[in-house]
Amino acid sequence: MNNVFVYCEIEEGHIAEVSLELLSKGRSLALRQKCGLEAVVIGSGLKGIEKQIFPYGADVVHIADDKRLYPYTTLPHAAIVKGLFEQEKPGIGLFGATSIGRDLAPRIASALKCGLTADCTALEIGDHFEKKSNREYKDLLYQIRPAFGGNIIATIINPDTRPQLATVREGVMKKEIYSDDHKGEVRNIDLKKWLSDDDFVVKIIERHLESRKVNIKNAGIIVAGGYGVGSKDNFKMLYDLAGVLGGEVAGSRAAVDGGFIGHERQVGQTGVTVRPKLYIACGISGQIQHRAGMDQSAIIISINNDPEAPINQIADYTITGDLTEIIPKMIKYYQKNSK
């Protein structure tokens, strides 16, 4: 009771990256609340899957293994998670803000009549005093996310319902091994307890999967451009710089909307969240929507002709000037000094 539960997604026999990130965060939340961390894995051919989960700190892994449970379909997964949550009564339930998590989590919240916050970018534990009822709530889950088009950061709480449910965007939590030697308990779920034939009325007949052509999420160096780059042709300079540095090129939403770069390379609230070792922001003003997707970068360099640009507030190094002059010089001197 009151443990932290993480729903783990499966990708080709492996726990999805977003689920491992949630397990890492779930471990820290569980330590803060002095409770346990439990994982839920539903799919097919899951023998030994717990070995991927225990190093991230899970105390219990609940496994539902049946050939009918993979690929994901809504009804059986929702029935299992609902039944498990009703039985175990977790205090917190975490899901990835993926196509699966966005489908599953609202159904669980509706069935259990509890609160759900979608697309969180941070999770913390804290207290809350309700003036109207003169009541103090201890150890609530602070569910933090951008709101009103990213113009504010909202902190949302569910003081009166359990579990406290949240979906979390991929990349916003840091994936960390808790202990390579950590071991927990495996509990196999009795499918007959919560499933019926009616839950399998929908069948996946055929699937077509297209792998990502671009992987900016795991890039160590990112050269990102905004609307201030000026044109699609000017973006070629960013590709040249990224090529020299061994990095990837990304863009802000304004650059994507302007047709300078494809959506698959968009960083920000409505794009990908990244945390590279080096992030070079070129011609990016740095509104909160963009910063939400890259402010955890280890080193941030801003190149902008506006010294008052918001991006400069979080940049470690700021270069004020025309990027069409600065970037060629960066390429020239990097090549000269790296030989």
C-alpha atoms as a PDB file:
ATOM      1  CA  MET A   1       0.000   0.000   0.000  1.00  0.00           C
ATOM      2  CA  ASN A   2       1.138   3.555  -0.905  1.00  0.00           C
ATOM      3  CA  ASN A   3       4.110   2.299  -2.931  1.00  0.00           C
ATOM      4  CA  VAL A   4       5.259   3.911  -6.177  1.00  0.00           C
ATOM      5  CA  PHE A   5       4.222   1.925  -9.277  1.00  0.00           C
ATOM      6  CA  VAL A   6       5.733   2.309 -12.750  1.00  0.00           C
ATOM      7  CA  TYR A   7       4.076   0.865 -15.856  1.00  0.00           C
ATOM      8  CA  CYS A   8       6.924  -0.421 -18.040  1.00  0.00           C
ATOM      9  CA  GLU A   9       6.568  -0.475 -21.806  1.00  0.00           C
ATOM     10  CA  ILE A  10       8.243  -3.146 -23.929  1.00  0.00           C
ATOM     11  CA  GLU A  11      10.126  -2.484 -27.174  1.00  0.00           C
ATOM     12  CA  GLU A  12      11.367  -5.615 -28.958  1.00  0.00           C
ATOM     13  CA  GLY A  13      11.978  -7.503 -25.740  1.00  0.00           C
ATOM     14  CA  HIS A  14      13.576  -4.560 -23.925  1.00  0.00           C
ATOM     15  CA  ILE A  15      12.207  -2.131 -21.371  1.00  0.00           C
ATOM     16  CA  ALA A  16      11.594   1.219 -23.095  1.00  0.00           C
ATOM     17  CA  GLU A  17      13.943   4.103 -22.303  1.00  0.00           C
ATOM     18  CA  VAL A  18      11.135   6.235 -20.877  1.00  0.00           C
ATOM     19  CA  SER A  19      10.223   3.416 -18.469  1.00  0.00           C
ATOM     20  CA  LEU A  20      13.812   3.126 -17.228  1.00  0.00           C
ATOM     21  CA  GLU A  21      13.830   6.888 -16.680  1.00  0.00           C
ATOM     22  CA  LEU A  22      10.603   6.579 -14.677  1.00  0.00           C
ATOM     23  CA  LEU A  23      12.035   3.744 -12.602  1.00  0.00           C
ATOM     24  CA  SER A  24      15.002   5.969 -11.718  1.00  0.00           C
ATOM     25  CA  LYS A  25      12.695   8.798 -10.699  1.00  0.00           C
ATOM     26  CA  GLY A  26      10.329   6.387  -8.960  1.00  0.00           C
ATOM     27  CA  ARG A  27      13.219   5.098  -6.841  1.00  0.00           C
ATOM     28  CA  SER A  28      14.038   8.612  -5.620  1.00  0.00           C
ATOM     29  CA  LEU A  29      10.351   9.320  -4.892  1.00  0.00           C
ATOM     30  CA  ALA A  30      10.069   6.020  -2.987  1.00  0.00           C
ATOM     31  CA  LEU A  31      13.161   6.815  -0.925  1.00  0.00           C
ATOM     32  CA  ARG A  32      11.741  10.251  -0.138  1.00  0.00           C
ATOM     33  CA  GLN A  33       8.479   8.687   1.060  1.00  0.00           C
ATOM     34  CA  LYS A  34      10.137   5.656   2.679  1.00  0.00           C
ATOM     35  CA  CYS A  35       8.052   3.237   0.643  1.00  0.00           C
ATOM     36  CA  GLY A  36       8.666   0.605  -2.041  1.00  0.00           C
ATOM     37  CA  LEU A  37       9.060   0.838  -5.812  1.00  0.00           C
ATOM     38  CA  GLU A  38       7.102  -1.648  -7.929  1.00  0.00           C
ATOM     39  CA  ALA A  39       7.095  -2.205 -11.687  1.00  0.00           C
ATOM     40  CA  VAL A  40       4.335  -3.580 -13.913  1.00  0.00           C
ATOM     41  CA  VAL A  41       5.325  -5.385 -17.125  1.00  0.00           C
ATOM     42  CA  ILE A  42       2.690  -6.728 -19.507  1.00  0.00           C
ATOM     43  CA  GLY A  43       3.553  -8.549 -22.719  1.00  0.00           C
ATOM     44  CA  SER A  44       4.762 -11.791 -24.247  1.00  0.00           C
ATOM     45  CA  GLY A  45       8.012 -13.749 -23.866  1.00  0.00           C
ATOM     46  CA  LEU A  46       9.006 -11.911 -20.706  1.00  0.00           C
ATOM     47  CA  LYS A  47      11.224 -14.555 -19.122  1.00  0.00           C
ATOM     48  CA  GLY A  48      14.104 -12.822 -17.378  1.00  0.00           C
ATOM     49  CA  ILE A  49      12.724  -9.317 -18.018  1.00  0.00           C
ATOM     50  CA  GLU A  50      13.135  -8.503 -14.323  1.00  0.00           C
ATOM     51  CA  LYS A  51      16.924  -8.505 -14.816  1.00  0.00           C
ATOM     52  CA  GLN A  52      16.537  -5.291 -16.799  1.00  0.00           C
ATOM     53  CA  ILE A  53      14.444  -3.697 -14.049  1.00  0.00           C
ATOM     54  CA  PHE A  54      16.012  -4.610 -10.704  1.00  0.00           C
ATOM     55  CA  PRO A  55      19.196  -2.505 -11.225  1.00  0.00           C
ATOM     56  CA  TYR A  56      16.967   0.587 -11.327  1.00  0.00           C
ATOM     57  CA  GLY A  57      15.730  -0.073  -7.805  1.00  0.00           C
ATOM     58  CA  ALA A  58      12.441  -1.945  -8.170  1.00  0.00           C
ATOM     59  CA  ASP A  59      11.525  -3.967  -5.089  1.00  0.00           C
ATOM     60  CA  VAL A  60       8.733  -5.900  -6.808  1.00  0.00           C
ATOM     61  CA  VAL A  61       8.118  -6.673 -10.495  1.00  0.00           C
ATOM     62  CA  HIS A  62       4.586  -7.701 -11.461  1.00  0.00           C
ATOM     63  CA  ILE A  63       4.641  -9.694 -14.714  1.00  0.00           C
ATOM     64  CA  ALA A  64       1.718 -10.586 -16.970  1.00  0.00           C
ATOM     65  CA  ASP A  65       3.064 -12.884 -19.702  1.00  0.00           C
ATOM     66  CA  ASP A  66       0.765 -14.086 -22.477  1.00  0.00           C
ATOM     67  CA  LYS A  67       1.111 -14.118 -26.265  1.00  0.00           C
ATOM     68  CA  ARG A  68      -2.181 -12.200 -26.527  1.00  0.00           C
ATOM     69  CA  LEU A  69      -0.752  -9.254 -24.546  1.00  0.00           C
ATOM     70  CA  TYR A  70       1.793  -8.164 -27.163  1.00  0.00           C
ATOM     71  CA  PRO A  71       1.603  -5.965 -29.118  1.00  0.00           C
ATOM     72  CA  TYR A  72      -0.255  -3.546 -26.845  1.00  0.00           C
ATOM     73  CA  THR A  73      -4.022  -3.356 -27.024  1.00  0.00           C
ATOM     74  CA  THR A  74      -6.077  -1.179 -24.733  1.00  0.00           C
ATOM     75  CA  LEU A  75      -8.617  -3.472 -23.087  1.00  0.00           C
ATOM     76  CA  PRO A  76      -6.457  -6.245 -21.585  1.00  0.00           C
ATOM     77  CA  HIS A  77      -3.701  -3.907 -20.418  1.00  0.00           C
ATOM     78  CA  ALA A  78      -6.233  -1.537 -18.843  1.00  0.00           C
ATOM     79  CA  ALA A  79      -8.021  -4.415 -17.112  1.00  0.00           C
ATOM     80  CA  ILE A  80      -4.773  -5.783 -15.633  1.00  0.00           C
ATOM     81  CA  VAL A  81      -3.468  -2.422 -14.418  1.00  0.00           C
ATOM     82  CA  LYS A  82      -6.856  -1.448 -12.986  1.00  0.00           C
ATOM     83  CA  GLY A  83      -7.178  -4.748 -11.142  1.00  0.00           C
ATOM     84  CA  LEU A  84      -3.612  -4.599  -9.843  1.00  0.00           C
ATOM     85  CA  PHE A  85      -4.002  -1.009  -8.621  1.00  0.00           C
ATOM     86  CA  GLU A  86      -7.274  -1.833  -6.877  1.00  0.00           C
ATOM     87  CA  GLN A  87      -5.588  -4.759  -5.153  1.00  0.00           C
ATOM     88  CA  GLU A  88      -2.250  -3.155  -4.229  1.00  0.00           C
ATOM     89  CA  LYS A  89      -3.478   0.432  -3.653  1.00  0.00           C
ATOM     90  CA  PRO A  90      -0.376   2.355  -4.754  1.00  0.00           C
ATOM     91  CA  GLY A  91       0.169   5.934  -3.674  1.00  0.00           C
ATOM     92  CA  ILE A  92       1.696   6.970  -7.013  1.00  0.00           C
ATOM     93  CA  GLY A  93       1.379   5.551 -10.537  1.00  0.00           C
ATOM     94  CA  LEU A  94       3.718   6.664 -13.336  1.00  0.00           C
ATOM     95  CA  PHE A  95       3.342   6.153 -17.093  1.00  0.00           C
ATOM     96  CA  GLY A  96       5.367   7.366 -20.046  1.00  0.00           C
ATOM     97  CA  ALA A  97       3.787  10.187 -22.066  1.00  0.00           C
ATOM     98  CA  THR A  98       3.888   7.946 -25.136  1.00  0.00           C
ATOM     99  CA  SER A  99       1.095   6.772 -27.418  1.00  0.00           C
ATOM    100  CA  ILE A 100       0.611   3.832 -25.044  1.00  0.00           C
ATOM    101  CA  GLY A 101       0.801   5.822 -21.824  1.00  0.00           C
ATOM    102  CA  ARG A 102      -1.528   8.506 -23.142  1.00  0.00           C
ATOM    103  CA  ASP A 103      -4.044   5.826 -24.036  1.00  0.00           C
ATOM    104  CA  LEU A 104      -3.744   3.764 -20.852  1.00  0.00           C
ATOM    105  CA  ALA A 105      -3.316   6.256 -18.006  1.00  0.00           C
ATOM    106  CA  PRO A 106      -6.585   8.204 -18.566  1.00  0.00           C
ATOM    107  CA  ARG A 107      -8.553   4.940 -18.588  1.00  0.00           C
ATOM    108  CA  ILE A 108      -7.020   3.931 -15.260  1.00  0.00           C
ATOM    109  CA  ALA A 109      -7.730   7.373 -13.791  1.00  0.00           C
ATOM    110  CA  SER A 110     -11.334   7.225 -14.980  1.00  0.00           C
ATOM    111  CA  ALA A 111     -11.879   3.684 -13.685  1.00  0.00           C
ATOM    112  CA  LEU A 112     -10.358   4.445 -10.272  1.00  0.00           C
ATOM    113  CA  LYS A 113     -11.829   7.970 -10.080  1.00  0.00           C
ATOM    114  CA  CYS A 114      -8.485   9.544  -9.294  1.00  0.00           C
ATOM    115  CA  GLY A 115      -6.476  12.484 -10.586  1.00  0.00           C
ATOM    116  CA  LEU A 116      -4.088  12.418 -13.550  1.00  0.00           C
ATOM    117  CA  THR A 117      -1.612  15.019 -14.752  1.00  0.00           C
ATOM    118  CA  ALA A 118      -0.374  14.582 -18.323  1.00  0.00           C
ATOM    119  CA  ASP A 119       3.006  15.425 -19.873  1.00  0.00           C
ATOM    120  CA  CYS A 120       4.864  16.212 -16.659  1.00  0.00           C
ATOM    121  CA  THR A 121       8.383  17.562 -16.933  1.00  0.00           C
ATOM    122  CA  ALA A 122       9.253  17.226 -13.223  1.00  0.00           C
ATOM    123  CA  LEU A 123       8.033  15.289 -10.175  1.00  0.00           C
ATOM    124  CA  GLU A 124       8.737  16.129  -6.544  1.00  0.00           C
ATOM    125  CA  ILE A 125       7.437  15.258  -3.093  1.00  0.00           C
ATOM    126  CA  GLY A 126       6.151  18.054  -0.856  1.00  0.00           C
ATOM    127  CA  ASP A 127       3.487  19.253   1.560  1.00  0.00           C
ATOM    128  CA  HIS A 128       0.408  21.400   1.004  1.00  0.00           C
ATOM    129  CA  PHE A 129      -1.716  23.460   3.391  1.00  0.00           C
ATOM    130  CA  GLU A 130      -5.343  23.977   2.371  1.00  0.00           C
ATOM    131  CA  LYS A 131      -6.533  27.265   3.860  1.00  0.00           C
ATOM    132  CA  LYS A 132     -10.221  26.679   3.183  1.00  0.00           C
ATOM    133  CA  SER A 133     -10.353  23.418   5.124  1.00  0.00           C
ATOM    134  CA  ASN A 134      -7.473  24.342   7.460  1.00  0.00           C
ATOM    135  CA  ARG A 135      -5.912  20.991   6.605  1.00  0.00           C
ATOM    136  CA  GLU A 136      -2.309  20.106   5.942  1.00  0.00           C
ATOM    137  CA  TYR A 137      -1.417  17.365   3.464  1.00  0.00           C
ATOM    138  CA  LYS A 138       1.949  15.642   3.832  1.00  0.00           C
ATOM    139  CA  ASP A 139       4.144  14.037   1.176  1.00  0.00           C
ATOM    140  CA  LEU A 140       2.035  14.813  -1.892  1.00  0.00           C
ATOM    141  CA  LEU A 141       3.289  14.262  -5.427  1.00  0.00           C
ATOM    142  CA  TYR A 142       4.030  17.626  -7.014  1.00  0.00           C
ATOM    143  CA  GLN A 143       3.234  17.103 -10.696  1.00  0.00           C
ATOM    144  CA  ILE A 144       4.998  19.871 -12.604  1.00  0.00           C
ATOM    145  CA  ARG A 145       4.338  20.733 -16.232  1.00  0.00           C
ATOM    146  CA  PRO A 146       4.135  23.707 -18.626  1.00  0.00           C
ATOM    147  CA  ALA A 147       0.650  25.159 -19.034  1.00  0.00           C
ATOM    148  CA  PHE A 148      -1.146  27.819 -21.098  1.00  0.00           C
ATOM    149  CA  GLY A 149       0.978  27.163 -24.143  1.00  0.00           C
ATOM    150  CA  GLY A 150       4.132  26.963 -22.066  1.00  0.00           C
ATOM    151  CA  ASN A 151       3.770  30.484 -20.700  1.00  0.00           C
ATOM    152  CA  ILE A 152       3.694  29.281 -17.094  1.00  0.00           C
ATOM    153  CA  ILE A 153       4.936  26.276 -15.150  1.00  0.00           C
ATOM    154  CA  ALA A 154       2.079  24.696 -13.177  1.00  0.00           C
ATOM    155  CA  THR A 155       2.428  22.557 -10.053  1.00  0.00           C
ATOM    156  CA  ILE A 156      -0.537  20.203  -9.718  1.00  0.00           C
ATOM    157  CA  ILE A 157      -1.498  18.081  -6.725  1.00  0.00           C
ATOM    158  CA  ASN A 158      -4.100  15.388  -6.032  1.00  0.00           C
ATOM    159  CA  PRO A 159      -4.600  15.659  -2.260  1.00  0.00           C
ATOM    160  CA  ASP A 160      -7.783  13.615  -1.858  1.00  0.00           C
ATOM    161  CA  THR A 161      -7.547  10.722  -4.326  1.00  0.00           C
ATOM    162  CA  ARG A 162      -5.200   7.784  -4.714  1.00  0.00           C
ATOM    163  CA  PRO A 163      -3.257   6.771  -6.636  1.00  0.00           C
ATOM    164  CA  GLN A 164      -1.729  10.025  -7.820  1.00  0.00           C
ATOM    165  CA  LEU A 165      -1.250   9.369 -11.529  1.00  0.00           C
ATOM    166  CA  ALA A 166       1.069  11.138 -13.959  1.00  0.00           C
ATOM    167  CA  THR A 167       2.397  10.660 -17.459  1.00  0.00           C
ATOM    168  CA  VAL A 168       5.963  11.884 -17.989  1.00  0.00           C
ATOM    169  CA  ARG A 169       7.683  12.908 -21.182  1.00  0.00           C
ATOM    170  CA  GLU A 170      10.607  10.900 -22.458  1.00  0.00           C
ATOM    171  CA  GLY A 171      13.985  12.403 -21.731  1.00  0.00           C
ATOM    172  CA  VAL A 172      13.014  14.742 -18.883  1.00  0.00           C
ATOM    173  CA  MET A 173      14.084  12.315 -16.142  1.00  0.00           C
ATOM    174  CA  LYS A 174      17.655  11.132 -15.820  1.00  0.00           C
ATOM    175  CA  LYS A 175      18.144   7.379 -16.252  1.00  0.00           C
ATOM    176  CA  GLU A 176      20.393   6.122 -13.457  1.00  0.00           C
ATOM    177  CA  ILE A 177      21.344   2.666 -12.215  1.00  0.00           C
ATOM    178  CA  TYR A 178      20.391   2.382  -8.540  1.00  0.00           C
ATOM    179  CA  SER A 179      22.553  -0.688  -7.890  1.00  0.00           C
ATOM    180  CA  ASP A 180      23.794  -3.459 -10.150  1.00  0.00           C
ATOM    181  CA  ASP A 181      23.371  -5.870  -7.234  1.00  0.00           C
ATOM    182  CA  HIS A 182      19.840  -4.825  -6.307  1.00  0.00           C
ATOM    183  CA  LYS A 183      17.386  -7.723  -6.269  1.00  0.00           C
ATOM    184  CA  GLY A 184      13.656  -7.807  -5.698  1.00  0.00           C
ATOM    185  CA  GLU A 185      10.640 -10.048  -5.856  1.00  0.00           C
ATOM    186  CA  VAL A 186       8.909 -11.314  -9.011  1.00  0.00           C
ATOM    187  CA  ARG A 187       5.147 -11.730  -8.856  1.00  0.00           C
ATOM    188  CA  ASN A 188       3.410 -13.403 -11.778  1.00  0.00           C
ATOM    189  CA  ILE A 189      -0.058 -12.002 -12.391  1.00  0.00           C
ATOM    190  CA  ASP A 190      -2.947 -14.470 -12.540  1.00  0.00           C
ATOM    191  CA  LEU A 191      -4.585 -13.374 -15.795  1.00  0.00           C
ATOM    192  CA  LYS A 192      -7.829 -15.247 -15.075  1.00  0.00           C
ATOM    193  CA  LYS A 193      -8.390 -12.943 -12.131  1.00  0.00           C
ATOM    194  CA  TRP A 194      -8.953  -9.808 -14.188  1.00  0.00           C
ATOM    195  CA  LEU A 195      -9.270 -10.820 -17.856  1.00  0.00           C
ATOM    196  CA  SER A 196     -12.116 -12.280 -19.884  1.00  0.00           C
ATOM    197  CA  ASP A 197     -12.542 -13.182 -23.564  1.00  0.00           C
ATOM    198  CA  ASP A 198     -14.257  -9.824 -24.083  1.00  0.00           C
ATOM    199  CA  ASP A 199     -10.943  -8.069 -23.410  1.00  0.00           C
ATOM    200  CA  PHE A 200      -9.469  -9.634 -26.551  1.00  0.00           C
ATOM    201  CA  VAL A 201     -12.121  -8.595 -29.070  1.00  0.00           C
ATOM    202  CA  VAL A 202      -9.521  -6.363 -30.763  1.00  0.00           C
ATOM    203  CA  LYS A 203      -6.620  -8.175 -32.425  1.00  0.00           C
ATOM    204  CA  ILE A 204      -3.552  -6.760 -34.147  1.00  0.00           C
ATOM    205  CA  ILE A 205      -3.407  -8.442 -37.547  1.00  0.00           C
ATOM    206  CA  GLU A 206      -0.361  -6.685 -38.972  1.00  0.00           C
ATOM    207  CA  ARG A 207       2.145  -4.078 -37.835  1.00  0.00           C
ATOM    208  CA  HIS A 208       4.428  -1.779 -39.789  1.00  0.00           C
ATOM    209  CA  LEU A 209       7.196  -0.178 -37.740  1.00  0.00           C
ATOM    210  CA  GLU A 210       9.516   2.510 -39.030  1.00  0.00           C
ATOM    211  CA  SER A 211      12.649   3.108 -37.005  1.00  0.00           C
ATOM    212  CA  ARG A 212      13.729   6.637 -36.189  1.00  0.00           C
ATOM    213  CA  LYS A 213      15.852   8.194 -38.901  1.00  0.00           C
ATOM    214  CA  VAL A 214      17.145  10.848 -36.516  1.00  0.00           C
ATOM    215  CA  ASN A 215      18.201  10.313 -32.906  1.00  0.00           C
ATOM    216  CA  ILE A 216      18.811  13.706 -31.344  1.00  0.00           C
ATOM    217  CA  LYS A 217      17.667  12.477 -27.917  1.00  0.00           C
ATOM    218  CA  ASN A 218      20.881  10.552 -27.309  1.00  0.00           C
ATOM    219  CA  ALA A 219      23.253  12.966 -29.065  1.00  0.00           C
ATOM    220  CA  GLY A 220      26.166  14.165 -26.949  1.00  0.00           C
ATOM    221  CA  ILE A 221      26.487  17.417 -28.912  1.00  0.00           C
ATOM    222  CA  ILE A 222      23.580  19.343 -30.446  1.00  0.00           C
ATOM    223  CA  VAL A 223      23.726  22.415 -32.662  1.00  0.00           C
ATOM    224  CA  ALA A 224      20.227  23.912 -32.619  1.00  0.00           C
ATOM    225  CA  GLY A 225      18.825  26.730 -34.711  1.00  0.00           C
ATOM    226  CA  GLY A 226      15.867  29.021 -34.278  1.00  0.00           C
ATOM    227  CA  TYR A 227      13.949  31.410 -36.478  1.00  0.00           C
ATOM    228  CA  GLY A 228      16.869  33.812 -36.102  1.00  0.00           C
ATOM    229  CA  VAL A 229      18.966  31.577 -38.370  1.00  0.00           C
ATOM    230  CA  GLY A 230      17.016  33.241 -41.144  1.00  0.00           C
ATOM    231  CA  SER A 231      16.536  30.560 -43.770  1.00  0.00           C
ATOM    232  CA  LYS A 232      16.789  26.900 -44.662  1.00  0.00           C
ATOM    233  CA  ASP A 233      19.987  27.655 -46.587  1.00  0.00           C
ATOM    234  CA  ASN A 234      21.563  29.218 -43.490  1.00  0.00           C
ATOM    235  CA  PHE A 235      20.881  25.989 -41.616  1.00  0.00           C
ATOM    236  CA  LYS A 236      23.602  24.417 -43.765  1.00  0.00           C
ATOM    237  CA  MET A 237      26.116  26.237 -41.557  1.00  0.00           C
ATOM    238  CA  LEU A 238      24.679  24.435 -38.525  1.00  0.00           C
ATOM    239  CA  TYR A 239      25.069  21.085 -40.295  1.00  0.00           C
ATOM    240  CA  ASP A 240      28.676  21.993 -41.105  1.00  0.00           C
ATOM    241  CA  LEU A 241      29.384  22.874 -37.462  1.00  0.00           C
ATOM    242  CA  ALA A 242      27.665  19.721 -36.196  1.00  0.00           C
ATOM    243  CA  GLY A 243      29.640  17.659 -38.679  1.00  0.00           C
ATOM    244  CA  VAL A 244      32.934  19.071 -37.432  1.00  0.00           C
ATOM    245  CA  LEU A 245      31.970  18.538 -33.772  1.00  0.00           C
ATOM    246  CA  GLY A 246      30.454  15.089 -34.298  1.00  0.00           C
ATOM    247  CA  GLY A 247      26.995  16.227 -33.210  1.00  0.00           C
ATOM    248  CA  GLU A 248      23.401  16.425 -34.411  1.00  0.00           C
ATOM    249  CA  VAL A 249      21.375  19.366 -35.704  1.00  0.00           C
ATOM    250  CA  ALA A 250      18.109  20.363 -34.043  1.00  0.00           C
ATOM    251  CA  GLY A 251      15.703  23.284 -34.163  1.00  0.00           C
ATOM    252  CA  SER A 252      13.130  25.266 -32.234  1.00  0.00           C
ATOM    253  CA  ARG A 253       9.426  25.160 -33.053  1.00  0.00           C
ATOM    254  CA  ALA A 254       9.723  28.517 -34.820  1.00  0.00           C
ATOM    255  CA  ALA A 255      12.395  27.052 -37.103  1.00  0.00           C
ATOM    256  CA  VAL A 256      10.220  24.013 -37.809  1.00  0.00           C
ATOM    257  CA  ASP A 257       7.143  26.171 -38.492  1.00  0.00           C
ATOM    258  CA  GLY A 258       9.275  28.322 -40.793  1.00  0.00           C
ATOM    259  CA  GLY A 259      10.219  25.256 -42.856  1.00  0.00           C
ATOM    260  CA  PHE A 260      13.914  25.527 -41.993  1.00  0.00           C
ATOM    261  CA  ILE A 261      14.141  22.009 -40.486  1.00  0.00           C
ATOM    262  CA  GLY A 262      11.986  18.895 -40.079  1.00  0.00           C
ATOM    263  CA  HIS A 263       9.735  18.245 -37.063  1.00  0.00           C
ATOM    264  CA  GLU A 264      11.681  15.113 -36.132  1.00  0.00           C
ATOM    265  CA  ARG A 265      14.524  17.441 -35.074  1.00  0.00           C
ATOM    266  CA  GLN A 266      12.394  19.786 -32.965  1.00  0.00           C
ATOM    267  CA  VAL A 267      13.475  20.394 -29.365  1.00  0.00           C
ATOM    268  CA  GLY A 268      11.063  21.778 -26.818  1.00  0.00           C
ATOM    269  CA  GLN A 269       7.712  21.307 -25.147  1.00  0.00           C
ATOM    270  CA  THR A 270       6.071  19.953 -28.313  1.00  0.00           C
ATOM    271  CA  GLY A 271       9.205  18.235 -29.572  1.00  0.00           C
ATOM    272  CA  VAL A 272      11.995  16.142 -28.053  1.00  0.00           C
ATOM    273  CA  THR A 273      13.565  16.665 -24.639  1.00  0.00           C
ATOM    274  CA  VAL A 274      17.366  16.432 -24.731  1.00  0.00           C
ATOM    275  CA  ARG A 275      20.210  16.655 -22.213  1.00  0.00           C
ATOM    276  CA  PRO A 276      23.469  16.623 -24.232  1.00  0.00           C
ATOM    277  CA  LYS A 277      26.941  17.404 -22.935  1.00  0.00           C
ATOM    278  CA  LEU A 278      27.008  20.466 -25.217  1.00  0.00           C
ATOM    279  CA  TYR A 279      24.060  22.439 -26.623  1.00  0.00           C
ATOM    280  CA  ILE A 280      24.811  25.293 -29.033  1.00  0.00           C
ATOM    281  CA  ALA A 281      21.736  27.500 -29.504  1.00  0.00           C
ATOM    282  CA  CYS A 282      21.961  29.562 -32.691  1.00  0.00           C
ATOM    283  CA  GLY A 283      19.441  32.320 -33.268  1.00  0.00           C
ATOM    284  CA  ILE A 284      17.083  30.917 -30.623  1.00  0.00           C
ATOM    285  CA  SER A 285      15.282  33.441 -28.426  1.00  0.00           C
ATOM    286  CA  GLY A 286      14.772  30.851 -25.687  1.00  0.00           C
ATOM    287  CA  GLN A 287      11.111  31.036 -24.746  1.00  0.00           C
ATOM    288  CA  ILE A 288      10.012  28.725 -21.937  1.00  0.00           C
ATOM    289  CA  GLN A 289       8.570  26.206 -24.411  1.00  0.00           C
ATOM    290  CA  HIS A 290      12.024  25.630 -25.879  1.00  0.00           C
ATOM    291  CA  ARG A 291      13.936  25.785 -22.612  1.00  0.00           C
ATOM    292  CA  ALA A 292      11.714  23.032 -21.195  1.00  0.00           C
ATOM    293  CA  GLY A 293      13.279  20.680 -23.728  1.00  0.00           C
ATOM    294  CA  MET A 294      16.976  21.497 -23.265  1.00  0.00           C
ATOM    295  CA  ASP A 295      17.654  23.324 -19.993  1.00  0.00           C
ATOM    296  CA  GLN A 296      19.242  20.198 -18.465  1.00  0.00           C
ATOM    297  CA  SER A 297      22.099  20.281 -20.978  1.00  0.00           C
ATOM    298  CA  ALA A 298      25.514  20.135 -19.302  1.00  0.00           C
ATOM    299  CA  ILE A 299      26.930  23.157 -21.171  1.00  0.00           C
ATOM    300  CA  ILE A 300      24.867  25.682 -23.140  1.00  0.00           C
ATOM    301  CA  ILE A 301      26.380  28.129 -25.615  1.00  0.00           C
ATOM    302  CA  SER A 302      24.122  30.857 -26.997  1.00  0.00           C
ATOM    303  CA  ILE A 303      24.860  32.631 -30.285  1.00  0.00           C
ATOM    304  CA  ASN A 304      22.428  35.526 -30.707  1.00  0.00           C
ATOM    305  CA  ASN A 305      22.458  39.122 -31.914  1.00  0.00           C
ATOM    306  CA  ASP A 306      20.120  40.090 -29.051  1.00  0.00           C
ATOM    307  CA  PRO A 307      22.011  40.388 -25.749  1.00  0.00           C
ATOM    308  CA  GLU A 308      18.667  40.375 -23.879  1.00  0.00           C
ATOM    309  CA  ALA A 309      17.442  37.072 -25.378  1.00  0.00           C
ATOM    310  CA  PRO A 310      15.906  34.804 -22.690  1.00  0.00           C
ATOM    311  CA  ILE A 311      18.215  31.941 -23.737  1.00  0.00           C
ATOM    312  CA  ASN A 312      21.137  33.951 -22.337  1.00  0.00           C
ATOM    313  CA  GLN A 313      19.701  33.579 -18.821  1.00  0.00           C
ATOM    314  CA  ILE A 314      20.495  29.863 -18.776  1.00  0.00           C
ATOM    315  CA  ALA A 315      23.497  29.856 -21.125  1.00  0.00           C
ATOM    316  CA  ASP A 316      26.932  29.084 -19.694  1.00  0.00           C
ATOM    317  CA  TYR A 317      28.565  31.079 -22.509  1.00  0.00           C
ATOM    318  CA  THR A 318      26.985  33.832 -24.599  1.00  0.00           C
ATOM    319  CA  ILE A 319      28.271  35.049 -27.957  1.00  0.00           C
ATOM    320  CA  THR A 320      26.555  38.228 -29.152  1.00  0.00           C
ATOM    321  CA  GLY A 321      26.742  38.840 -32.869  1.00  0.00           C
ATOM    322  CA  ASP A 322      25.826  37.683 -36.374  1.00  0.00           C
ATOM    323  CA  LEU A 323      25.841  33.884 -36.512  1.00  0.00           C
ATOM    324  CA  THR A 324      26.680  33.941 -40.244  1.00  0.00           C
ATOM    325  CA  GLU A 325      30.044  35.387 -39.204  1.00  0.00           C
ATOM    326  CA  ILE A 326      30.497  33.521 -35.918  1.00  0.00           C
ATOM    327  CA  ILE A 327      29.759  29.935 -37.010  1.00  0.00           C
ATOM    328  CA  PRO A 328      32.281  29.876 -39.915  1.00  0.00           C
ATOM    329  CA  LYS A 329      34.911  31.172 -37.457  1.00  0.00           C
ATOM    330  CA  MET A 330      34.021  28.467 -34.945  1.00  0.00           C
ATOM    331  CA  ILE A 331      34.438  25.830 -37.651  1.00  0.00           C
ATOM    332  CA  LYS A 332      37.723  27.356 -38.849  1.00  0.00           C
ATOM    333  CA  TYR A 333      39.362  27.624 -35.441  1.00  0.00           C
ATOM    334  CA  TYR A 334      38.066  24.280 -34.185  1.00  0.00           C
ATOM    335  CA  GLN A 335      39.574  22.537 -37.214  1.00  0.00           C
ATOM    336  CA  LYS A 336      42.809  24.500 -36.792  1.00  0.00           C
ATOM    337  CA  ASN A 337      43.207  23.678 -33.101  1.00  0.00           C
ATOM    338  CA  SER A 338      42.038  20.067 -33.200  1.00  0.00           C
ATOM    339  CA  LYS A 339      44.658  18.823 -35.618  1.00  0.00           C
END
